[in-house]
Amino acid sequence: MIFQPTIIALLLAAGLGLAMLLAAAPFAVQIIRHWNIRSGSERQLQLERRTYLFSTLLSFVLAIQGIALLLFIFNADRLAGHFVGAMCAAGVLNVNAYGYPALIAQIASFFLTALWLVINHVDTRAPDYPLVRIKYALLLALVPLLAANFLLQLWYFLGLKADVITSCCGSLFSAGAQTLTGDLAALPPQPAMIGFYAALGAALLMATLHAATRRGGYLVALASAAAFVAAIAGIISFVSLYIYEHPHHHCPFCILKPEYDYQGYLLYIPLFAATAAGLAVGALQAFRRVPSLAEVVPRTAARLAGAAAVGYLIFAAVATAMILRSNLILIG
């Protein structure tokens, strides 16, 4: 099963990302130790030339993590027919102990590499590259995460055995399951809906205010993180019910299937994009007092906040439309 084209593509993406970081690690150490923009030495000139090359290559490789996240979920859903008991990606990820950890590692890789790409973008907009040491130190910090991502995916795919009987999403995402997902499924619809829209409203408000006033950047990041958690909880607890028009089907993966018109992608893509943008706004606040970035950081953060606001607005609008057009009545 590991020779499936999508599995090979995922392993290549994860392996290439890790290999590039490992190849860049010695150079990152040189940058951290020897970078001096005021020096005209031959070593400094070599470092500057190689920085352009490494930054371009690493930006390309790390950007692939976003595509890999979508492909990972798509592949898990596509493999559902190969395992007894699996109805969607939920069951496929539960075939062995590495499925869900691999998904979590892929999500973490997406968000953290997105932050690195934003920091790298800002750094290249300043003539003195003030964040070059910081971004290469962060690059070294990403190595363990991408290594874990690659290894978890490798162990997961190697452990996919067609004769394994797995659990369906009905048992994994049910109100009676003694798990976190079970607790989310058991949330009463009305309080869950209030928390869902309150968190999204707060994130939208903070992002809009920052885009307009360029203040409260850290609050944008905190609100974005809270909105992401509330959004996932809301999808499991009540949004999915309206999509399926079934009061007990809480699976957050079946909404990605063709029989539900791939509606889940309309939710997840703007949610993940908005959250990444909101978190990046907070990450940039640490550099707003750097002299050469005094104009670049506020301008970039404002644009990211605007993108986050649009993303949350789209997510909320899509979720609301799905609820309003459903024939299911949860709240009388």
Foldseek 3Di string as FASTA:
>chain_A
DCPDVLNVVLLCLLVVLLVLLVVCLVLLVCCLPPADLVDPDPVNVVNVVVVVVSLVVNLVSLQCLVVSLVSLQVVLQVCQVLAAAENGSVFSLQLDDLSVVLNVLSLVSNLLSLLLSLLSVLLVVFPSSPCSSVSSVSSNVCNVSSVSNSVSSVVSSVSDDSHGHTHYQLQVQFCPHPDPSVVLQVDQLPVLVVQQVVLLVQLLVQLLCCLVPVPDLQSNLVSLVSNLVSLLSNQQHPLVCQLVVHSTRRDLSCCCDVVSPRLSCQQPVLSSLLNSLSNSSNVLVVPCPPVRSVPVNSNSNSVSSVSNSVSSVSNVVSSVVSNVVGPHDRDD
